[in-house]
Amino acid sequence: MFSLILSSLWYNDIAKFGFAAMGRSGSSVVEPSSPSETLTAQSTAHKERLAGLGGVMVGIGEQVYSVLLLSFFFLEVFATGFIPYVGKAINFLLLSWMYAYYCFEYKWNFSEVALDKRLDYFESNWAFFAGFGSPCVLAIFFVSPLVSYGIMAVLFPLFVLAATCSGAEQDISFPRRKWRGVGLGRLPIFYAADSLSLWVLSLLPLEPQDKTQEIKAH
């Protein structure tokens, strides 16, 4: 348990140093290409949007929504394991997506990619992310939990580095029409978790429901 907690604390540092080793900073990509210039402009606009007290509140709301979304998705993954016959297969697929999202989330945080763009890009490239996360699930799916924790402590940082060194933030910075509609189409992976998250946020007394939608849009 101590090793698991310690490894979790190190994952962010591993991603940060991997991000720096690729010649990137937190807001730009040091490459003389059009996609990197687009990303720099996107990051600058994102910083300007988060300036001031209102921007801070939007940022906090986005983080709360993200935590709720991933928590409900994790419960969805857990629940599918109890479905007879097809439950294991569905559980395997959802776990693959979950690990893939966690791996790329570090990079998207450093690149300051908005949450709605992350989800849109992820669901539009669901086949790639299912394949990316499946080796992690294969390594732990058929062993005991204690052994699986040890395996993931070694494998997960490697996949975080692989995601960090990828060019996904360049693709996501393109106009949506350039990468949507390519391949198998968008799959609403987070639909159930998204609906439950918005429902929970709508119950909060501080913000009306229309503000909840605004937070998600940002």
C-alpha atoms as a PDB file:
ATOM      1  CA  MET A   1       0.000   0.000   0.000  1.00  0.00           C
ATOM      2  CA  PHE A   2       2.853   2.361   0.808  1.00  0.00           C
ATOM      3  CA  SER A   3       4.457   1.582  -2.553  1.00  0.00           C
ATOM      4  CA  LEU A   4       1.165   2.244  -4.346  1.00  0.00           C
ATOM      5  CA  ILE A   5       0.735   5.640  -2.655  1.00  0.00           C
ATOM      6  CA  LEU A   6       4.357   6.605  -3.270  1.00  0.00           C
ATOM      7  CA  SER A   7       4.150   5.598  -6.930  1.00  0.00           C
ATOM      8  CA  SER A   8       1.003   7.658  -7.372  1.00  0.00           C
ATOM      9  CA  LEU A   9       2.809  10.712  -6.030  1.00  0.00           C
ATOM     10  CA  TRP A  10       5.667  10.140  -8.460  1.00  0.00           C
ATOM     11  CA  TYR A  11       3.542   9.744 -11.594  1.00  0.00           C
ATOM     12  CA  ASN A  12       3.064  13.485 -11.986  1.00  0.00           C
ATOM     13  CA  ASP A  13       6.808  14.102 -11.643  1.00  0.00           C
ATOM     14  CA  ILE A  14       7.553  11.368 -14.181  1.00  0.00           C
ATOM     15  CA  ALA A  15       5.154  12.954 -16.667  1.00  0.00           C
ATOM     16  CA  LYS A  16       6.540  16.442 -15.946  1.00  0.00           C
ATOM     17  CA  PHE A  17      10.159  15.436 -16.549  1.00  0.00           C
ATOM     18  CA  GLY A  18       9.164  13.454 -19.622  1.00  0.00           C
ATOM     19  CA  PHE A  19       7.339  16.521 -20.898  1.00  0.00           C
ATOM     20  CA  ALA A  20      10.447  18.635 -20.309  1.00  0.00           C
ATOM     21  CA  ALA A  21      12.737  16.033 -21.898  1.00  0.00           C
ATOM     22  CA  MET A  22      10.746  16.260 -25.120  1.00  0.00           C
ATOM     23  CA  GLY A  23      11.594  19.948 -25.311  1.00  0.00           C
ATOM     24  CA  ARG A  24       8.176  21.149 -24.189  1.00  0.00           C
ATOM     25  CA  SER A  25       7.034  23.583 -21.564  1.00  0.00           C
ATOM     26  CA  GLY A  26       3.691  23.738 -19.833  1.00  0.00           C
ATOM     27  CA  SER A  27       2.101  25.945 -22.474  1.00  0.00           C
ATOM     28  CA  SER A  28       3.809  25.347 -25.787  1.00  0.00           C
ATOM     29  CA  VAL A  29       5.569  22.817 -27.990  1.00  0.00           C
ATOM     30  CA  VAL A  30       9.008  23.713 -29.211  1.00  0.00           C
ATOM     31  CA  GLU A  31       8.643  22.632 -32.792  1.00  0.00           C
ATOM     32  CA  PRO A  32       8.652  24.920 -35.854  1.00  0.00           C
ATOM     33  CA  SER A  33       5.375  23.546 -37.150  1.00  0.00           C
ATOM     34  CA  SER A  34       1.892  24.884 -37.645  1.00  0.00           C
ATOM     35  CA  PRO A  35       0.255  22.558 -35.084  1.00  0.00           C
ATOM     36  CA  SER A  36       2.599  23.770 -32.334  1.00  0.00           C
ATOM     37  CA  GLU A  37       1.852  27.392 -33.138  1.00  0.00           C
ATOM     38  CA  THR A  38      -1.841  26.584 -32.938  1.00  0.00           C
ATOM     39  CA  LEU A  39      -1.304  24.917 -29.571  1.00  0.00           C
ATOM     40  CA  THR A  40       0.604  27.952 -28.260  1.00  0.00           C
ATOM     41  CA  ALA A  41      -2.226  30.265 -29.265  1.00  0.00           C
ATOM     42  CA  GLN A  42      -4.748  27.899 -27.667  1.00  0.00           C
ATOM     43  CA  SER A  43      -2.775  27.797 -24.412  1.00  0.00           C
ATOM     44  CA  THR A  44      -2.463  31.591 -24.330  1.00  0.00           C
ATOM     45  CA  ALA A  45      -6.192  31.999 -24.832  1.00  0.00           C
ATOM     46  CA  HIS A  46      -6.806  29.422 -22.122  1.00  0.00           C
ATOM     47  CA  LYS A  47      -4.649  31.401 -19.664  1.00  0.00           C
ATOM     48  CA  GLU A  48      -6.444  34.607 -20.501  1.00  0.00           C
ATOM     49  CA  ARG A  49      -9.783  32.876 -19.941  1.00  0.00           C
ATOM     50  CA  LEU A  50      -8.663  31.742 -16.499  1.00  0.00           C
ATOM     51  CA  ALA A  51      -7.524  35.218 -15.446  1.00  0.00           C
ATOM     52  CA  GLY A  52      -9.361  36.854 -12.584  1.00  0.00           C
ATOM     53  CA  LEU A  53     -11.704  35.551  -9.909  1.00  0.00           C
ATOM     54  CA  GLY A  54     -14.338  34.425 -12.408  1.00  0.00           C
ATOM     55  CA  GLY A  55     -11.774  32.378 -14.285  1.00  0.00           C
ATOM     56  CA  VAL A  56     -10.591  30.781 -11.040  1.00  0.00           C
ATOM     57  CA  MET A  57     -14.153  29.739 -10.235  1.00  0.00           C
ATOM     58  CA  VAL A  58     -14.567  28.265 -13.714  1.00  0.00           C
ATOM     59  CA  GLY A  59     -11.315  26.350 -13.248  1.00  0.00           C
ATOM     60  CA  ILE A  60     -12.456  24.992  -9.887  1.00  0.00           C
ATOM     61  CA  GLY A  61     -15.794  24.011 -11.372  1.00  0.00           C
ATOM     62  CA  GLU A  62     -14.041  22.206 -14.215  1.00  0.00           C
ATOM     63  CA  GLN A  63     -11.877  20.276 -11.756  1.00  0.00           C
ATOM     64  CA  VAL A  64     -14.909  19.292  -9.660  1.00  0.00           C
ATOM     65  CA  TYR A  65     -16.708  18.140 -12.786  1.00  0.00           C
ATOM     66  CA  SER A  66     -13.650  16.131 -13.888  1.00  0.00           C
ATOM     67  CA  VAL A  67     -13.389  14.377 -10.503  1.00  0.00           C
ATOM     68  CA  LEU A  68     -17.087  13.527 -10.554  1.00  0.00           C
ATOM     69  CA  LEU A  69     -16.909  12.299 -14.139  1.00  0.00           C
ATOM     70  CA  LEU A  70     -13.986   9.947 -13.519  1.00  0.00           C
ATOM     71  CA  SER A  71     -15.454   8.749 -10.211  1.00  0.00           C
ATOM     72  CA  PHE A  72     -18.750   7.793 -11.844  1.00  0.00           C
ATOM     73  CA  PHE A  73     -16.879   6.183 -14.719  1.00  0.00           C
ATOM     74  CA  PHE A  74     -14.874   4.109 -12.229  1.00  0.00           C
ATOM     75  CA  LEU A  75     -18.119   2.972 -10.577  1.00  0.00           C
ATOM     76  CA  GLU A  76     -19.395   2.057 -14.031  1.00  0.00           C
ATOM     77  CA  VAL A  77     -16.273  -0.032 -14.638  1.00  0.00           C
ATOM     78  CA  PHE A  78     -16.703  -1.744 -11.270  1.00  0.00           C
ATOM     79  CA  ALA A  79     -20.400  -2.486 -11.856  1.00  0.00           C
ATOM     80  CA  THR A  80     -19.894  -4.054 -15.282  1.00  0.00           C
ATOM     81  CA  GLY A  81     -17.753  -6.771 -13.724  1.00  0.00           C
ATOM     82  CA  PHE A  82     -20.905  -8.288 -12.192  1.00  0.00           C
ATOM     83  CA  ILE A  83     -22.792  -8.626 -15.492  1.00  0.00           C
ATOM     84  CA  PRO A  84     -23.137 -12.330 -16.379  1.00  0.00           C
ATOM     85  CA  TYR A  85     -21.330 -13.724 -19.453  1.00  0.00           C
ATOM     86  CA  VAL A  86     -20.338 -10.441 -21.151  1.00  0.00           C
ATOM     87  CA  GLY A  87     -19.407  -8.546 -17.996  1.00  0.00           C
ATOM     88  CA  LYS A  88     -15.713  -9.444 -18.098  1.00  0.00           C
ATOM     89  CA  ALA A  89     -15.352  -8.348 -21.721  1.00  0.00           C
ATOM     90  CA  ILE A  90     -17.102  -5.015 -21.079  1.00  0.00           C
ATOM     91  CA  ASN A  91     -15.061  -4.535 -17.925  1.00  0.00           C
ATOM     92  CA  PHE A  92     -11.850  -5.162 -19.869  1.00  0.00           C
ATOM     93  CA  LEU A  93     -12.787  -2.578 -22.503  1.00  0.00           C
ATOM     94  CA  LEU A  94     -13.799   0.086 -19.986  1.00  0.00           C
ATOM     95  CA  LEU A  95     -10.647  -0.484 -17.949  1.00  0.00           C
ATOM     96  CA  SER A  96      -8.561  -0.048 -21.109  1.00  0.00           C
ATOM     97  CA  TRP A  97     -10.203   3.310 -21.757  1.00  0.00           C
ATOM     98  CA  MET A  98      -9.807   4.344 -18.133  1.00  0.00           C
ATOM     99  CA  TYR A  99      -6.074   3.599 -18.041  1.00  0.00           C
ATOM    100  CA  ALA A 100      -5.572   5.305 -21.397  1.00  0.00           C
ATOM    101  CA  TYR A 101      -7.368   8.432 -20.204  1.00  0.00           C
ATOM    102  CA  TYR A 102      -5.330   8.525 -16.991  1.00  0.00           C
ATOM    103  CA  CYS A 103      -2.095   8.216 -18.997  1.00  0.00           C
ATOM    104  CA  PHE A 104      -2.959  11.053 -21.356  1.00  0.00           C
ATOM    105  CA  GLU A 105      -4.479  13.248 -18.649  1.00  0.00           C
ATOM    106  CA  TYR A 106      -1.032  14.205 -17.359  1.00  0.00           C
ATOM    107  CA  LYS A 107       0.003  15.445 -20.798  1.00  0.00           C
ATOM    108  CA  TRP A 108      -3.264  17.290 -21.379  1.00  0.00           C
ATOM    109  CA  ASN A 109      -2.917  19.015 -18.008  1.00  0.00           C
ATOM    110  CA  PHE A 110       0.564  20.234 -18.894  1.00  0.00           C
ATOM    111  CA  SER A 111      -0.639  21.303 -22.357  1.00  0.00           C
ATOM    112  CA  GLU A 112      -3.638  23.054 -20.760  1.00  0.00           C
ATOM    113  CA  VAL A 113      -6.168  21.321 -22.992  1.00  0.00           C
ATOM    114  CA  ALA A 114      -9.765  22.139 -22.027  1.00  0.00           C
ATOM    115  CA  LEU A 115     -11.822  19.296 -20.582  1.00  0.00           C
ATOM    116  CA  ASP A 116     -14.454  19.347 -23.318  1.00  0.00           C
ATOM    117  CA  LYS A 117     -11.746  19.025 -25.986  1.00  0.00           C
ATOM    118  CA  ARG A 118     -10.183  16.096 -24.130  1.00  0.00           C
ATOM    119  CA  LEU A 119     -13.468  14.202 -23.974  1.00  0.00           C
ATOM    120  CA  ASP A 120     -14.383  15.008 -27.560  1.00  0.00           C
ATOM    121  CA  TYR A 121     -10.972  13.897 -28.832  1.00  0.00           C
ATOM    122  CA  PHE A 122     -10.984  10.763 -26.656  1.00  0.00           C
ATOM    123  CA  GLU A 123     -14.455   9.645 -27.741  1.00  0.00           C
ATOM    124  CA  SER A 124     -13.671  10.384 -31.398  1.00  0.00           C
ATOM    125  CA  ASN A 125     -10.548   8.178 -31.235  1.00  0.00           C
ATOM    126  CA  TRP A 126     -11.942   5.463 -28.985  1.00  0.00           C
ATOM    127  CA  ALA A 127     -10.394   2.572 -30.920  1.00  0.00           C
ATOM    128  CA  PHE A 128      -6.862   3.952 -30.515  1.00  0.00           C
ATOM    129  CA  PHE A 129      -7.298   4.580 -26.790  1.00  0.00           C
ATOM    130  CA  ALA A 130      -8.791   1.115 -26.254  1.00  0.00           C
ATOM    131  CA  GLY A 131      -5.684  -0.369 -27.840  1.00  0.00           C
ATOM    132  CA  PHE A 132      -3.367   1.952 -25.910  1.00  0.00           C
ATOM    133  CA  GLY A 133      -4.766   0.989 -22.516  1.00  0.00           C
ATOM    134  CA  SER A 134      -5.281  -2.728 -23.156  1.00  0.00           C
ATOM    135  CA  PRO A 135      -1.684  -3.867 -22.375  1.00  0.00           C
ATOM    136  CA  CYS A 136      -2.030  -2.460 -18.857  1.00  0.00           C
ATOM    137  CA  VAL A 137      -5.274  -4.362 -18.346  1.00  0.00           C
ATOM    138  CA  LEU A 138      -3.870  -7.567 -19.830  1.00  0.00           C
ATOM    139  CA  ALA A 139      -0.980  -7.415 -17.376  1.00  0.00           C
ATOM    140  CA  ILE A 140      -3.257  -7.271 -14.313  1.00  0.00           C
ATOM    141  CA  PHE A 141      -6.489  -8.936 -15.445  1.00  0.00           C
ATOM    142  CA  PHE A 142      -5.490 -12.516 -14.644  1.00  0.00           C
ATOM    143  CA  VAL A 143      -3.429 -12.077 -11.470  1.00  0.00           C
ATOM    144  CA  SER A 144      -4.220 -11.347  -7.841  1.00  0.00           C
ATOM    145  CA  PRO A 145      -4.722  -7.715  -6.713  1.00  0.00           C
ATOM    146  CA  LEU A 146      -1.459  -7.689  -4.749  1.00  0.00           C
ATOM    147  CA  VAL A 147       0.560  -8.807  -7.769  1.00  0.00           C
ATOM    148  CA  SER A 148      -1.344  -6.470 -10.080  1.00  0.00           C
ATOM    149  CA  TYR A 149      -0.395  -3.446  -7.937  1.00  0.00           C
ATOM    150  CA  GLY A 150       3.255  -4.338  -8.329  1.00  0.00           C
ATOM    151  CA  ILE A 151       2.929  -4.814 -12.083  1.00  0.00           C
ATOM    152  CA  MET A 152       1.094  -1.517 -12.515  1.00  0.00           C
ATOM    153  CA  ALA A 153       3.726   0.299 -10.448  1.00  0.00           C
ATOM    154  CA  VAL A 154       6.195  -0.616 -13.210  1.00  0.00           C
ATOM    155  CA  LEU A 155       3.977  -0.492 -16.306  1.00  0.00           C
ATOM    156  CA  PHE A 156       1.912   2.622 -15.683  1.00  0.00           C
ATOM    157  CA  PRO A 157       4.835   5.114 -15.586  1.00  0.00           C
ATOM    158  CA  LEU A 158       6.076   3.692 -18.890  1.00  0.00           C
ATOM    159  CA  PHE A 159       2.678   4.259 -20.488  1.00  0.00           C
ATOM    160  CA  VAL A 160       2.506   7.749 -18.977  1.00  0.00           C
ATOM    161  CA  LEU A 161       5.838   8.505 -20.658  1.00  0.00           C
ATOM    162  CA  ALA A 162       4.594   7.015 -23.933  1.00  0.00           C
ATOM    163  CA  ALA A 163       1.519   9.255 -23.787  1.00  0.00           C
ATOM    164  CA  THR A 164       3.601  12.269 -22.798  1.00  0.00           C
ATOM    165  CA  CYS A 165       5.951  11.773 -25.748  1.00  0.00           C
ATOM    166  CA  SER A 166       3.119  11.399 -28.243  1.00  0.00           C
ATOM    167  CA  GLY A 167       1.823  14.156 -30.494  1.00  0.00           C
ATOM    168  CA  ALA A 168      -1.793  13.960 -29.343  1.00  0.00           C
ATOM    169  CA  GLU A 169      -1.850  17.581 -28.226  1.00  0.00           C
ATOM    170  CA  GLN A 170      -0.965  18.624 -31.783  1.00  0.00           C
ATOM    171  CA  ASP A 171      -3.925  16.740 -33.248  1.00  0.00           C
ATOM    172  CA  ILE A 172      -6.293  18.026 -30.587  1.00  0.00           C
ATOM    173  CA  SER A 173      -5.298  21.608 -31.404  1.00  0.00           C
ATOM    174  CA  PHE A 174      -6.468  21.252 -35.005  1.00  0.00           C
ATOM    175  CA  PRO A 175      -9.991  22.357 -35.909  1.00  0.00           C
ATOM    176  CA  ARG A 176     -12.429  19.635 -34.870  1.00  0.00           C
ATOM    177  CA  ARG A 177     -13.528  18.858 -38.410  1.00  0.00           C
ATOM    178  CA  LYS A 178      -9.992  17.707 -39.310  1.00  0.00           C
ATOM    179  CA  TRP A 179     -10.001  14.744 -36.924  1.00  0.00           C
ATOM    180  CA  ARG A 180     -13.682  14.117 -36.319  1.00  0.00           C
ATOM    181  CA  GLY A 181     -15.381  11.854 -38.791  1.00  0.00           C
ATOM    182  CA  VAL A 182     -12.101  10.021 -39.427  1.00  0.00           C
ATOM    183  CA  GLY A 183     -12.135   6.311 -38.632  1.00  0.00           C
ATOM    184  CA  LEU A 184     -15.071   4.697 -36.840  1.00  0.00           C
ATOM    185  CA  GLY A 185     -16.864   7.833 -35.626  1.00  0.00           C
ATOM    186  CA  ARG A 186     -17.444   9.131 -32.134  1.00  0.00           C
ATOM    187  CA  LEU A 187     -18.502   6.735 -29.362  1.00  0.00           C
ATOM    188  CA  PRO A 188     -20.150   8.309 -26.254  1.00  0.00           C
ATOM    189  CA  ILE A 189     -17.942   6.500 -23.737  1.00  0.00           C
ATOM    190  CA  PHE A 190     -18.569   8.970 -20.920  1.00  0.00           C
ATOM    191  CA  TYR A 191     -22.288   9.505 -21.565  1.00  0.00           C
ATOM    192  CA  ALA A 192     -23.537   7.811 -18.370  1.00  0.00           C
ATOM    193  CA  ALA A 193     -20.821   9.339 -16.185  1.00  0.00           C
ATOM    194  CA  ASP A 194     -21.402  12.734 -17.797  1.00  0.00           C
ATOM    195  CA  SER A 195     -25.155  12.610 -17.161  1.00  0.00           C
ATOM    196  CA  LEU A 196     -24.683  11.628 -13.513  1.00  0.00           C
ATOM    197  CA  SER A 197     -22.020  14.314 -12.983  1.00  0.00           C
ATOM    198  CA  LEU A 198     -24.239  17.043 -14.387  1.00  0.00           C
ATOM    199  CA  TRP A 199     -27.127  15.797 -12.253  1.00  0.00           C
ATOM    200  CA  VAL A 200     -25.003  15.996  -9.092  1.00  0.00           C
ATOM    201  CA  LEU A 201     -23.750  19.463  -9.989  1.00  0.00           C
ATOM    202  CA  SER A 202     -27.299  20.626 -10.656  1.00  0.00           C
ATOM    203  CA  LEU A 203     -28.151  19.759  -7.039  1.00  0.00           C
ATOM    204  CA  LEU A 204     -25.579  22.184  -5.657  1.00  0.00           C
ATOM    205  CA  PRO A 205     -27.328  25.270  -4.263  1.00  0.00           C
ATOM    206  CA  LEU A 206     -24.617  27.744  -5.257  1.00  0.00           C
ATOM    207  CA  GLU A 207     -25.067  27.456  -9.004  1.00  0.00           C
ATOM    208  CA  PRO A 208     -28.212  26.965 -11.106  1.00  0.00           C
ATOM    209  CA  GLN A 209     -28.355  24.255 -13.712  1.00  0.00           C
ATOM    210  CA  ASP A 210     -27.553  26.561 -16.615  1.00  0.00           C
ATOM    211  CA  LYS A 211     -24.322  27.527 -14.867  1.00  0.00           C
ATOM    212  CA  THR A 212     -23.454  23.840 -14.627  1.00  0.00           C
ATOM    213  CA  GLN A 213     -23.687  23.561 -18.399  1.00  0.00           C
ATOM    214  CA  GLU A 214     -21.504  26.650 -18.713  1.00  0.00           C
ATOM    215  CA  ILE A 215     -18.819  25.112 -16.498  1.00  0.00           C
ATOM    216  CA  LYS A 216     -18.805  21.973 -18.627  1.00  0.00           C
ATOM    217  CA  ALA A 217     -18.556  24.017 -21.830  1.00  0.00           C
ATOM    218  CA  HIS A 218     -15.460  25.786 -20.550  1.00  0.00           C
END
